[in-house]
Amino acid sequence: MRVYIAALILALLAGCSSNGPRYYSPDLPASEYSLRADLEAQYLAWKGTPYRLGGMSRRGVDCSGFVSRVFDDLYGMNLPRTTEHQADLGYSIDRDELQVADLVFFKTGWQTRHVGIYMGGGEFLHASTSRGVIISSLDNPYWRRHYWTSRRFTVRD
């Protein structure tokens, strides 16, 4: 009986734990696993960082500042500071051609733009105005409705 109770307690505790990093994504080609893992590591480092307009540090960051910092940290690329200027660089790609580390852009208001980094599996990493640095789904109705364009930079070997 004691073994049964101990097993039940362990099962309940395991059910309450977080999912942790999601390095495996079945729809990713093997060549993109390391890019995804790098982005997962950035997420873990920045997780909990609040949104702050104009911010570029772990005390507070906005979407374009976050993208700029991640690309500098991971790839040594010095991207422009604003979403508008980031959307002018790289090459335009269709949503159905997205690969890990592509930038995804959204029109969230009349003159408001938002940017994130595609992680594969329909997910993107970004600094949300309401929740700080998070991973979101492109299939979320809000993001699907506001999707604007995607850009690709050369970050693959």
C-alpha atoms as a PDB file:
ATOM      1  CA  MET A   1       0.000   0.000   0.000  1.00  0.00           C
ATOM      2  CA  ARG A   2       2.855   2.407   0.834  1.00  0.00           C
ATOM      3  CA  VAL A   3       4.425   1.845  -2.590  1.00  0.00           C
ATOM      4  CA  TYR A   4       1.096   2.585  -4.250  1.00  0.00           C
ATOM      5  CA  ILE A   5       0.679   5.859  -2.314  1.00  0.00           C
ATOM      6  CA  ALA A   6       4.280   6.910  -3.050  1.00  0.00           C
ATOM      7  CA  ALA A   7       3.777   6.191  -6.760  1.00  0.00           C
ATOM      8  CA  LEU A   8       0.541   8.189  -6.752  1.00  0.00           C
ATOM      9  CA  ILE A   9       2.233  11.172  -5.084  1.00  0.00           C
ATOM     10  CA  LEU A  10       5.104  11.079  -7.594  1.00  0.00           C
ATOM     11  CA  ALA A  11       2.662  10.924 -10.502  1.00  0.00           C
ATOM     12  CA  LEU A  12       0.749  13.916  -9.144  1.00  0.00           C
ATOM     13  CA  LEU A  13       3.928  15.926  -8.597  1.00  0.00           C
ATOM     14  CA  ALA A  14       5.182  15.120 -12.097  1.00  0.00           C
ATOM     15  CA  GLY A  15       1.883  16.351 -13.516  1.00  0.00           C
ATOM     16  CA  CYS A  16       2.422  19.723 -11.828  1.00  0.00           C
ATOM     17  CA  SER A  17       5.896  20.286 -13.232  1.00  0.00           C
ATOM     18  CA  SER A  18       6.625  22.553 -16.172  1.00  0.00           C
ATOM     19  CA  ASN A  19       7.217  21.199 -19.643  1.00  0.00           C
ATOM     20  CA  GLY A  20      10.734  22.597 -19.799  1.00  0.00           C
ATOM     21  CA  PRO A  21      12.565  23.134 -23.078  1.00  0.00           C
ATOM     22  CA  ARG A  22      10.966  21.669 -26.174  1.00  0.00           C
ATOM     23  CA  TYR A  23      14.049  20.835 -28.233  1.00  0.00           C
ATOM     24  CA  TYR A  24      12.360  18.123 -30.248  1.00  0.00           C
ATOM     25  CA  SER A  25       9.883  19.164 -32.886  1.00  0.00           C
ATOM     26  CA  PRO A  26       8.857  16.362 -35.253  1.00  0.00           C
ATOM     27  CA  ASP A  27       8.250  18.687 -38.193  1.00  0.00           C
ATOM     28  CA  LEU A  28      11.782  20.151 -38.146  1.00  0.00           C
ATOM     29  CA  PRO A  29      14.477  18.897 -40.496  1.00  0.00           C
ATOM     30  CA  ALA A  30      17.538  17.636 -38.617  1.00  0.00           C
ATOM     31  CA  SER A  31      19.575  20.616 -39.895  1.00  0.00           C
ATOM     32  CA  GLU A  32      17.349  23.032 -37.958  1.00  0.00           C
ATOM     33  CA  TYR A  33      17.467  21.311 -34.551  1.00  0.00           C
ATOM     34  CA  SER A  34      20.570  23.226 -33.467  1.00  0.00           C
ATOM     35  CA  LEU A  35      19.016  26.556 -34.504  1.00  0.00           C
ATOM     36  CA  ARG A  36      15.892  25.699 -32.520  1.00  0.00           C
ATOM     37  CA  ALA A  37      17.998  24.633 -29.520  1.00  0.00           C
ATOM     38  CA  ASP A  38      19.879  27.964 -29.656  1.00  0.00           C
ATOM     39  CA  LEU A  39      16.571  29.846 -29.654  1.00  0.00           C
ATOM     40  CA  GLU A  40      15.242  27.686 -26.798  1.00  0.00           C
ATOM     41  CA  ALA A  41      18.350  28.609 -24.790  1.00  0.00           C
ATOM     42  CA  GLN A  42      17.731  32.296 -25.508  1.00  0.00           C
ATOM     43  CA  TYR A  43      14.134  31.884 -24.384  1.00  0.00           C
ATOM     44  CA  LEU A  44      15.247  30.340 -21.100  1.00  0.00           C
ATOM     45  CA  ALA A  45      17.763  33.161 -20.572  1.00  0.00           C
ATOM     46  CA  TRP A  46      15.189  35.898 -21.310  1.00  0.00           C
ATOM     47  CA  LYS A  47      12.067  34.229 -19.872  1.00  0.00           C
ATOM     48  CA  GLY A  48      10.409  36.526 -17.340  1.00  0.00           C
ATOM     49  CA  THR A  49      11.930  39.679 -18.826  1.00  0.00           C
ATOM     50  CA  PRO A  50       9.175  42.309 -18.934  1.00  0.00           C
ATOM     51  CA  TYR A  51       8.274  44.366 -21.982  1.00  0.00           C
ATOM     52  CA  ARG A  52       9.667  47.896 -21.970  1.00  0.00           C
ATOM     53  CA  LEU A  53       9.383  50.185 -24.992  1.00  0.00           C
ATOM     54  CA  GLY A  54      12.908  51.018 -26.170  1.00  0.00           C
ATOM     55  CA  GLY A  55      14.427  48.450 -23.817  1.00  0.00           C
ATOM     56  CA  MET A  56      17.309  46.182 -24.794  1.00  0.00           C
ATOM     57  CA  SER A  57      18.251  44.489 -21.531  1.00  0.00           C
ATOM     58  CA  ARG A  58      16.923  41.842 -19.174  1.00  0.00           C
ATOM     59  CA  ARG A  59      15.451  44.641 -17.060  1.00  0.00           C
ATOM     60  CA  GLY A  60      13.033  45.267 -19.940  1.00  0.00           C
ATOM     61  CA  VAL A  61      13.001  44.789 -23.702  1.00  0.00           C
ATOM     62  CA  ASP A  62      10.722  45.551 -26.635  1.00  0.00           C
ATOM     63  CA  CYS A  63      10.155  43.241 -29.594  1.00  0.00           C
ATOM     64  CA  SER A  64      12.687  44.722 -32.009  1.00  0.00           C
ATOM     65  CA  GLY A  65      15.281  45.188 -29.269  1.00  0.00           C
ATOM     66  CA  PHE A  66      14.852  41.547 -28.281  1.00  0.00           C
ATOM     67  CA  VAL A  67      15.261  40.337 -31.876  1.00  0.00           C
ATOM     68  CA  SER A  68      18.299  42.571 -32.316  1.00  0.00           C
ATOM     69  CA  ARG A  69      19.943  41.241 -29.128  1.00  0.00           C
ATOM     70  CA  VAL A  70      19.229  37.580 -29.949  1.00  0.00           C
ATOM     71  CA  PHE A  71      20.617  37.870 -33.483  1.00  0.00           C
ATOM     72  CA  ASP A  72      23.719  39.621 -32.163  1.00  0.00           C
ATOM     73  CA  ASP A  73      24.235  37.058 -29.381  1.00  0.00           C
ATOM     74  CA  LEU A  74      23.655  33.966 -31.530  1.00  0.00           C
ATOM     75  CA  TYR A  75      24.810  34.953 -35.002  1.00  0.00           C
ATOM     76  CA  GLY A  76      26.939  38.088 -34.553  1.00  0.00           C
ATOM     77  CA  MET A  77      24.491  39.979 -36.784  1.00  0.00           C
ATOM     78  CA  ASN A  78      23.874  43.647 -36.073  1.00  0.00           C
ATOM     79  CA  LEU A  79      20.213  44.124 -37.016  1.00  0.00           C
ATOM     80  CA  PRO A  80      18.567  47.544 -37.002  1.00  0.00           C
ATOM     81  CA  ARG A  81      16.928  48.662 -33.782  1.00  0.00           C
ATOM     82  CA  THR A  82      13.373  49.183 -35.068  1.00  0.00           C
ATOM     83  CA  THR A  83      10.809  46.749 -36.446  1.00  0.00           C
ATOM     84  CA  GLU A  84      10.271  48.996 -39.462  1.00  0.00           C
ATOM     85  CA  HIS A  85      13.953  48.829 -40.430  1.00  0.00           C
ATOM     86  CA  GLN A  86      14.243  45.114 -39.659  1.00  0.00           C
ATOM     87  CA  ALA A  87      11.358  44.456 -42.073  1.00  0.00           C
ATOM     88  CA  ASP A  88      13.328  46.155 -44.867  1.00  0.00           C
ATOM     89  CA  LEU A  89      16.270  43.740 -44.679  1.00  0.00           C
ATOM     90  CA  GLY A  90      16.834  40.137 -45.660  1.00  0.00           C
ATOM     91  CA  TYR A  91      14.656  38.527 -48.234  1.00  0.00           C
ATOM     92  CA  SER A  92      10.914  38.251 -48.211  1.00  0.00           C
ATOM     93  CA  ILE A  93       9.481  34.753 -47.871  1.00  0.00           C
ATOM     94  CA  ASP A  94       5.970  33.351 -47.773  1.00  0.00           C
ATOM     95  CA  ARG A  95       4.515  32.128 -44.514  1.00  0.00           C
ATOM     96  CA  ASP A  96       4.437  28.544 -45.792  1.00  0.00           C
ATOM     97  CA  GLU A  97       8.206  28.719 -46.464  1.00  0.00           C
ATOM     98  CA  LEU A  98       9.198  29.669 -42.891  1.00  0.00           C
ATOM     99  CA  GLN A  99      12.331  28.102 -41.435  1.00  0.00           C
ATOM    100  CA  VAL A 100      13.830  28.329 -37.956  1.00  0.00           C
ATOM    101  CA  ALA A 101      15.368  31.787 -37.273  1.00  0.00           C
ATOM    102  CA  ASP A 102      13.275  33.620 -39.902  1.00  0.00           C
ATOM    103  CA  LEU A 103      11.699  36.825 -38.667  1.00  0.00           C
ATOM    104  CA  VAL A 104       7.904  37.094 -38.598  1.00  0.00           C
ATOM    105  CA  PHE A 105       6.224  40.506 -38.670  1.00  0.00           C
ATOM    106  CA  PHE A 106       2.761  41.600 -37.680  1.00  0.00           C
ATOM    107  CA  LYS A 107       0.650  44.718 -38.166  1.00  0.00           C
ATOM    108  CA  THR A 108      -0.962  45.105 -34.764  1.00  0.00           C
ATOM    109  CA  GLY A 109      -2.339  48.601 -35.232  1.00  0.00           C
ATOM    110  CA  TRP A 110      -2.595  51.446 -37.728  1.00  0.00           C
ATOM    111  CA  GLN A 111       1.128  52.249 -37.484  1.00  0.00           C
ATOM    112  CA  THR A 112       2.177  49.610 -34.985  1.00  0.00           C
ATOM    113  CA  ARG A 113       4.375  46.689 -36.002  1.00  0.00           C
ATOM    114  CA  HIS A 114       5.581  43.657 -34.057  1.00  0.00           C
ATOM    115  CA  VAL A 115       8.398  41.175 -34.747  1.00  0.00           C
ATOM    116  CA  GLY A 116       9.389  37.732 -33.504  1.00  0.00           C
ATOM    117  CA  ILE A 117      11.748  34.892 -34.410  1.00  0.00           C
ATOM    118  CA  TYR A 118      10.278  31.740 -35.945  1.00  0.00           C
ATOM    119  CA  MET A 119      11.191  28.582 -34.005  1.00  0.00           C
ATOM    120  CA  GLY A 120       9.625  25.918 -36.202  1.00  0.00           C
ATOM    121  CA  GLY A 121       6.501  23.920 -35.442  1.00  0.00           C
ATOM    122  CA  GLY A 122       4.343  27.020 -35.920  1.00  0.00           C
ATOM    123  CA  GLU A 123       5.905  28.816 -32.923  1.00  0.00           C
ATOM    124  CA  PHE A 124       7.743  32.106 -32.606  1.00  0.00           C
ATOM    125  CA  LEU A 125       9.779  33.757 -29.857  1.00  0.00           C
ATOM    126  CA  HIS A 126       9.079  37.411 -29.075  1.00  0.00           C
ATOM    127  CA  ALA A 127       8.683  40.133 -26.466  1.00  0.00           C
ATOM    128  CA  SER A 128       4.959  40.519 -25.858  1.00  0.00           C
ATOM    129  CA  THR A 129       3.697  43.879 -24.611  1.00  0.00           C
ATOM    130  CA  SER A 130       1.538  42.153 -21.997  1.00  0.00           C
ATOM    131  CA  ARG A 131       3.604  39.092 -21.018  1.00  0.00           C
ATOM    132  CA  GLY A 132       7.246  39.918 -21.771  1.00  0.00           C
ATOM    133  CA  VAL A 133       9.455  37.363 -23.510  1.00  0.00           C
ATOM    134  CA  ILE A 134       7.361  34.348 -24.503  1.00  0.00           C
ATOM    135  CA  ILE A 135       6.816  31.707 -27.162  1.00  0.00           C
ATOM    136  CA  SER A 136       3.543  32.009 -29.096  1.00  0.00           C
ATOM    137  CA  SER A 137       1.792  30.112 -31.857  1.00  0.00           C
ATOM    138  CA  LEU A 138       1.327  31.570 -35.317  1.00  0.00           C
ATOM    139  CA  ASP A 139      -1.983  29.693 -35.323  1.00  0.00           C
ATOM    140  CA  ASN A 140      -3.278  31.781 -32.428  1.00  0.00           C
ATOM    141  CA  PRO A 141      -6.244  33.714 -33.927  1.00  0.00           C
ATOM    142  CA  TYR A 142      -4.749  37.073 -32.909  1.00  0.00           C
ATOM    143  CA  TRP A 143      -1.373  36.435 -34.576  1.00  0.00           C
ATOM    144  CA  ARG A 144      -2.946  34.750 -37.611  1.00  0.00           C
ATOM    145  CA  ARG A 145      -5.169  37.809 -38.139  1.00  0.00           C
ATOM    146  CA  HIS A 146      -2.301  40.298 -37.768  1.00  0.00           C
ATOM    147  CA  TYR A 147       0.416  38.416 -39.701  1.00  0.00           C
ATOM    148  CA  TRP A 148       2.096  40.757 -42.194  1.00  0.00           C
ATOM    149  CA  THR A 149       5.315  39.358 -43.690  1.00  0.00           C
ATOM    150  CA  SER A 150       8.417  37.257 -43.040  1.00  0.00           C
ATOM    151  CA  ARG A 151      12.087  37.898 -43.736  1.00  0.00           C
ATOM    152  CA  ARG A 152      15.056  35.559 -43.967  1.00  0.00           C
ATOM    153  CA  PHE A 153      18.663  36.251 -43.107  1.00  0.00           C
ATOM    154  CA  THR A 154      21.529  33.847 -43.705  1.00  0.00           C
ATOM    155  CA  VAL A 155      22.123  32.173 -40.343  1.00  0.00           C
ATOM    156  CA  ARG A 156      22.523  28.591 -41.565  1.00  0.00           C
ATOM    157  CA  ASP A 157      25.906  26.950 -42.198  1.00  0.00           C
END
